[in-house]
Amino acid sequence: MDYIYSISIPHYNSPVLLRRMLKSIPEREDIQLIVVDDGSSEENVNALKKLQHKNLELVLLEENRGGGYARNIGLQHAKGKWFISVDADDYFSDGTFDVFDQYESDDIDCLFFCLNCVNHEGTISVNRTSIPNEAVKAYIKKACKKTETDLKFRNTTSWNKLVRLSFIKEYNICYEDCRVNIDVLFSFGIGLNMRRFKAINETLYNLVSEEGSITRKPRTIEREYLFYLQAQKRNGFYEAIGLKRLPYYRYDFLYIPFMIKKRGIRGAIEFFNYRKRHIEEVKKARKQYLSLLK
């Protein structure tokens, strides 16, 4: 089968929410669905096996490896002309693939589109904004060097990008094998290498953003540190391409009021002590994305 679209969906213990995502995707012969289960419980795997959709392929991982690893497995199985990787607890808007069809034959590497931030009931959240979405909208409103740079390097998610698979393979673009901010390496690879692209004003994706969603998991000190470490990887990359300034580069002194506000004085001290014990790892992280520039 010659697929036009390959949709990769990492999954972990959320078959009910995954069902909603699947329902938002039309059952068409030219759409390939790849669900990569990232070591769910036996009960949830059994529920997953009962889900049905045209051209649905299940890949069952024996252990939990994290979203980045699962996205790469989905990418390896992709056979379509276009590729997108989404989250199991989100869903596409009505008519999304009719819009995709309008651009399917265009000579572009990437199609950027807009999204809504919603709660599980589908109500649009006025308390949550999306930097990637703002970057797309700003570029659509006024295409210039600044908005194009934001589109390329602040728009660091998978959900609002339909990417030509041959382009991904040509430049060996992949996801980072990590557990937080898993789309950054992939997005930077696209931003650095794409030659032709379009950004459209249609809202085609619903990002579920509230406590308990994939994007809003509660953070322990260890998990908070993982996000900090990812920021240092971005810092090293931004500095190398001449973007050592806000809103790209995150200076360490800004973490002091941020952590105090978020975790209190005691929690902030605990975080910075944890950081101090892992300072060599921090230094190494700042060099990790520089391989993209070689």
Protein backbone atom coordinates (compact mmCIF):
# COMPACT_ATOMS: atom_id res chain seq x y z
CA MET A 1 0.00 0.00 0.00
CA ASP A 2 1.27 3.46 -0.92
CA TYR A 3 0.45 5.56 2.12
CA ILE A 4 0.25 9.33 1.95
CA TYR A 5 0.30 9.90 5.71
CA SER A 6 2.08 8.00 8.49
CA ILE A 7 0.94 8.87 12.00
CA SER A 8 3.07 7.67 14.90
CA ILE A 9 1.54 7.60 18.39
CA PRO A 10 3.57 6.59 21.46
CA HIS A 11 1.31 5.04 24.10
CA TYR A 12 1.68 4.28 27.79
CA ASN A 13 -1.20 3.07 29.98
CA SER A 14 -3.88 5.28 28.41
CA PRO A 15 -5.98 3.18 26.00
CA VAL A 16 -9.18 5.17 26.68
CA LEU A 17 -7.54 8.43 25.66
CA LEU A 18 -5.84 6.75 22.72
CA ARG A 19 -9.27 5.67 21.49
CA ARG A 20 -10.28 9.33 21.32
CA MET A 21 -7.17 10.13 19.27
CA LEU A 22 -7.91 7.26 16.88
CA LYS A 23 -11.48 8.44 16.43
CA SER A 24 -10.19 11.83 15.30
CA ILE A 25 -8.30 10.17 12.40
CA PRO A 26 -10.35 9.19 9.34
CA GLU A 27 -10.31 5.53 8.29
CA ARG A 28 -8.69 5.87 4.88
CA GLU A 29 -6.62 3.50 2.80
CA ASP A 30 -3.84 6.09 2.46
CA ILE A 31 -3.33 6.67 6.21
CA GLN A 32 -0.92 4.47 8.17
CA LEU A 33 -1.35 4.41 11.96
CA ILE A 34 1.57 3.24 14.10
CA VAL A 35 0.91 2.88 17.83
CA VAL A 36 4.07 2.17 19.81
CA ASP A 37 3.25 0.88 23.27
CA ASP A 38 6.01 1.86 25.67
CA GLY A 39 5.82 -1.02 28.15
CA SER A 40 2.25 -0.59 29.44
CA SER A 41 0.74 -2.91 32.06
CA GLU A 42 -0.69 -6.22 30.89
CA GLU A 43 -4.23 -4.94 31.50
CA ASN A 44 -3.68 -1.87 29.33
CA VAL A 45 -1.92 -3.85 26.60
CA ASN A 46 -4.94 -6.17 26.45
CA ALA A 47 -7.22 -3.13 26.13
CA LEU A 48 -4.92 -1.73 23.46
CA LYS A 49 -5.15 -4.92 21.41
CA LYS A 50 -8.93 -4.52 21.23
CA LEU A 51 -8.73 -1.11 19.55
CA GLN A 52 -9.56 -1.15 15.86
CA HIS A 53 -8.79 1.25 13.04
CA LYS A 54 -7.95 0.84 9.36
CA ASN A 55 -4.21 0.26 8.79
CA LEU A 56 -3.50 0.22 12.52
CA GLU A 57 -0.11 -1.27 13.39
CA LEU A 58 0.74 -2.07 17.02
CA VAL A 59 4.36 -2.20 18.14
CA LEU A 60 4.73 -3.56 21.68
CA LEU A 61 7.91 -2.69 23.55
CA GLU A 62 8.85 -5.03 26.38
CA GLU A 63 9.98 -2.25 28.70
CA ASN A 64 9.30 1.42 29.24
CA ARG A 65 11.96 3.38 27.33
CA GLY A 66 10.41 6.84 27.19
CA GLY A 67 8.65 8.91 24.56
CA GLY A 68 11.73 9.77 22.51
CA TYR A 69 12.61 6.13 21.96
CA ALA A 70 8.99 5.29 21.12
CA ARG A 71 8.77 8.13 18.58
CA ASN A 72 11.89 6.83 16.84
CA ILE A 73 10.40 3.34 16.63
CA GLY A 74 7.31 4.84 15.02
CA LEU A 75 9.50 6.77 12.59
CA GLN A 76 11.31 3.57 11.62
CA HIS A 77 7.98 1.92 10.73
CA ALA A 78 6.68 4.89 8.71
CA LYS A 79 6.04 4.27 5.01
CA GLY A 80 4.00 7.31 3.99
CA LYS A 81 4.87 10.38 1.97
CA TRP A 82 4.24 12.57 5.02
CA PHE A 83 4.98 11.91 8.70
CA ILE A 84 3.66 13.26 11.97
CA SER A 85 4.07 12.00 15.54
CA VAL A 86 1.40 12.96 18.08
CA ASP A 87 0.50 12.20 21.69
CA ALA A 88 -2.06 9.59 22.70
CA ASP A 89 -4.05 11.92 24.95
CA ASP A 90 -4.51 14.67 22.33
CA TYR A 91 -6.66 14.60 19.18
CA PHE A 92 -6.99 16.12 15.72
CA SER A 93 -9.64 18.69 14.85
CA ASP A 94 -12.52 17.84 12.54
CA GLY A 95 -11.51 18.12 8.91
CA THR A 96 -7.76 18.09 9.59
CA PHE A 97 -6.95 15.59 6.87
CA ASP A 98 -9.09 17.43 4.34
CA VAL A 99 -6.80 20.39 4.96
CA PHE A 100 -3.70 18.21 4.73
CA ASP A 101 -4.94 16.96 1.37
CA GLN A 102 -4.86 20.53 0.02
CA TYR A 103 -1.07 20.65 0.56
CA GLU A 104 -0.18 16.99 -0.01
CA SER A 105 1.29 17.62 -3.47
CA ASP A 106 3.13 20.83 -2.58
CA ASP A 107 6.91 20.91 -3.01
CA ILE A 108 7.70 21.62 0.63
CA ASP A 109 9.62 19.87 3.42
CA CYS A 110 7.30 20.85 6.26
CA LEU A 111 3.77 22.15 6.81
CA PHE A 112 3.25 24.07 10.06
CA PHE A 113 -0.26 24.55 11.44
CA CYS A 114 -2.05 25.89 14.51
CA LEU A 115 -3.46 24.17 17.58
CA ASN A 116 -5.85 24.65 20.49
CA CYS A 117 -4.97 24.10 24.15
CA VAL A 118 -7.96 22.31 25.69
CA ASN A 119 -8.93 20.34 28.80
CA HIS A 120 -10.18 16.76 28.69
CA GLU A 121 -13.72 17.97 28.08
CA GLY A 122 -12.57 19.82 24.98
CA THR A 123 -13.01 23.30 26.44
CA ILE A 124 -10.39 25.76 25.19
CA SER A 125 -8.08 26.79 28.01
CA VAL A 126 -7.56 30.53 28.45
CA ASN A 127 -4.91 29.87 31.10
CA ARG A 128 -2.54 27.96 28.88
CA THR A 129 -0.63 29.18 25.85
CA SER A 130 1.65 27.30 23.52
CA ILE A 131 4.96 28.83 22.43
CA PRO A 132 5.03 26.67 19.26
CA ASN A 133 1.53 27.86 18.38
CA GLU A 134 2.46 31.50 19.00
CA ALA A 135 5.52 31.04 16.75
CA VAL A 136 3.37 29.74 13.90
CA LYS A 137 0.80 32.51 14.24
CA ALA A 138 3.46 35.22 14.45
CA TYR A 139 5.09 33.97 11.23
CA ILE A 140 1.74 33.87 9.44
CA LYS A 141 0.98 37.43 10.57
CA LYS A 142 4.37 38.80 9.48
CA ALA A 143 7.00 36.69 7.75
CA CYS A 144 10.43 38.14 8.56
CA LYS A 145 13.81 37.00 9.85
CA LYS A 146 12.72 37.13 13.52
CA THR A 147 9.47 35.22 13.09
CA GLU A 148 11.15 32.66 10.83
CA THR A 149 13.84 32.09 13.47
CA ASP A 150 11.14 31.58 16.10
CA LEU A 151 9.30 29.20 13.79
CA LYS A 152 12.46 27.14 13.35
CA PHE A 153 13.97 27.18 16.84
CA ARG A 154 11.25 27.98 19.40
CA ASN A 155 8.67 25.75 17.79
CA THR A 156 10.02 22.57 19.37
CA THR A 157 7.11 20.12 19.28
CA SER A 158 6.01 17.35 16.91
CA TRP A 159 2.27 17.96 17.06
CA ASN A 160 2.08 20.95 14.71
CA LYS A 161 4.35 19.73 11.93
CA LEU A 162 3.54 17.55 8.96
CA VAL A 163 6.96 16.60 7.58
CA ARG A 164 7.96 14.97 4.31
CA LEU A 165 9.38 11.54 5.17
CA SER A 166 12.01 11.61 2.40
CA PHE A 167 13.32 14.90 3.85
CA ILE A 168 13.58 13.32 7.33
CA LYS A 169 15.55 10.41 5.93
CA GLU A 170 17.76 12.59 3.73
CA TYR A 171 19.05 14.50 6.75
CA ASN A 172 18.87 11.58 9.20
CA ILE A 173 16.55 13.53 11.51
CA CYS A 174 15.42 11.68 14.60
CA TYR A 175 14.13 12.13 18.13
CA GLU A 176 16.31 12.23 21.21
CA ASP A 177 16.23 9.08 23.33
CA CYS A 178 15.07 10.87 26.49
CA ARG A 179 11.96 11.28 28.65
CA VAL A 180 11.24 15.03 28.61
CA ASN A 181 11.27 17.63 25.82
CA ILE A 182 11.56 14.70 23.47
CA ASP A 183 10.77 16.64 20.28
CA VAL A 184 13.51 19.30 20.49
CA LEU A 185 16.28 17.45 18.62
CA PHE A 186 13.80 16.46 15.89
CA SER A 187 12.51 20.04 15.58
CA PHE A 188 16.00 21.56 15.46
CA GLY A 189 16.93 19.12 12.71
CA ILE A 190 13.94 20.27 10.69
CA GLY A 191 14.61 23.95 11.37
CA LEU A 192 18.25 23.72 10.32
CA ASN A 193 17.71 21.78 7.11
CA MET A 194 14.32 22.63 5.62
CA ARG A 195 14.50 24.54 2.37
CA ARG A 196 10.82 25.06 1.56
CA PHE A 197 7.96 25.22 4.04
CA LYS A 198 4.50 26.66 4.62
CA ALA A 199 2.66 27.84 7.72
CA ILE A 200 -1.14 27.87 7.66
CA ASN A 201 -3.66 29.50 9.98
CA GLU A 202 -5.96 26.48 10.28
CA THR A 203 -6.28 24.99 13.78
CA LEU A 204 -5.82 21.27 13.20
CA TYR A 205 -4.78 19.82 16.56
CA ASN A 206 -6.08 19.83 20.12
CA LEU A 207 -3.41 19.75 22.81
CA VAL A 208 -4.86 18.46 26.08
CA SER A 209 -3.19 20.57 28.72
CA GLU A 210 -4.22 20.12 32.33
CA GLU A 211 -3.03 18.26 35.41
CA GLY A 212 -2.56 14.59 34.57
CA SER A 213 -2.00 15.08 30.85
CA ILE A 214 1.27 13.96 29.27
CA THR A 215 2.50 17.54 29.03
CA ARG A 216 1.64 18.47 32.63
CA LYS A 217 2.99 15.63 34.79
CA PRO A 218 3.84 16.65 38.39
CA ARG A 219 7.57 17.23 38.81
CA THR A 220 9.79 15.73 41.46
CA ILE A 221 13.23 17.29 41.98
CA GLU A 222 14.68 14.60 39.72
CA ARG A 223 12.12 15.30 36.98
CA GLU A 224 12.60 19.07 37.38
CA TYR A 225 16.31 18.51 36.86
CA LEU A 226 15.63 16.61 33.63
CA PHE A 227 13.84 19.66 32.23
CA TYR A 228 16.71 21.87 33.40
CA LEU A 229 19.20 19.56 31.69
CA GLN A 230 17.24 19.75 28.44
CA ALA A 231 17.32 23.55 28.70
CA GLN A 232 21.12 23.40 28.95
CA LYS A 233 21.25 21.35 25.76
CA ARG A 234 19.22 24.06 24.05
CA ASN A 235 21.43 26.74 25.59
CA GLY A 236 24.53 25.23 24.03
CA PHE A 237 22.83 25.01 20.65
CA TYR A 238 21.44 28.55 20.79
CA GLU A 239 24.81 29.97 21.76
CA ALA A 240 26.47 28.17 18.84
CA ILE A 241 24.05 29.65 16.29
CA GLY A 242 24.20 33.15 17.79
CA LEU A 243 20.99 33.16 19.85
CA LYS A 244 22.43 33.65 23.34
CA ARG A 245 19.62 35.95 24.41
CA LEU A 246 16.09 35.83 25.72
CA PRO A 247 13.68 34.31 24.90
CA TYR A 248 15.93 31.53 23.57
CA TYR A 249 18.79 31.22 26.05
CA ARG A 250 17.84 30.48 29.68
CA TYR A 251 20.31 32.09 32.06
CA ASP A 252 20.88 30.23 35.32
CA PHE A 253 20.09 33.23 37.52
CA LEU A 254 16.54 33.20 36.16
CA TYR A 255 16.01 29.76 37.70
CA ILE A 256 16.35 31.20 41.21
CA PRO A 257 13.07 33.19 41.29
CA PHE A 258 11.43 30.55 39.07
CA MET A 259 12.22 27.73 41.50
CA ILE A 260 11.33 29.79 44.57
CA LYS A 261 7.95 30.64 43.08
CA LYS A 262 7.31 27.08 41.96
CA ARG A 263 8.73 25.05 44.85
CA GLY A 264 9.35 27.50 47.69
CA ILE A 265 12.72 28.42 49.21
CA ARG A 266 13.35 24.95 50.63
CA GLY A 267 12.49 23.28 47.33
CA ALA A 268 14.68 25.72 45.40
CA ILE A 269 17.66 24.98 47.67
CA GLU A 270 17.06 21.26 47.20
CA PHE A 271 17.01 21.70 43.42
CA PHE A 272 20.25 23.70 43.26
CA ASN A 273 22.00 21.25 45.57
CA TYR A 274 20.93 18.46 43.23
CA ARG A 275 22.24 20.48 40.29
CA LYS A 276 25.58 21.02 42.08
CA ARG A 277 26.02 17.28 42.59
CA HIS A 278 25.52 16.74 38.85
CA ILE A 279 27.43 19.74 37.49
CA GLU A 280 29.63 17.66 35.17
CA GLU A 281 26.51 16.28 33.55
CA VAL A 282 25.28 19.84 33.04
CA LYS A 283 28.53 20.84 31.31
CA LYS A 284 28.31 17.82 29.03
CA ALA A 285 24.70 18.60 28.16
CA ARG A 286 25.61 22.04 26.81
CA LYS A 287 27.64 20.35 24.05
CA GLN A 288 25.20 17.59 23.14
CA TYR A 289 23.22 19.29 20.33
CA LEU A 290 26.32 20.74 18.66
CA SER A 291 26.57 17.60 16.52
CA LEU A 292 23.63 18.99 14.54
CA LEU A 293 25.88 21.75 13.22
CA LYS A 294 28.59 19.51 11.77
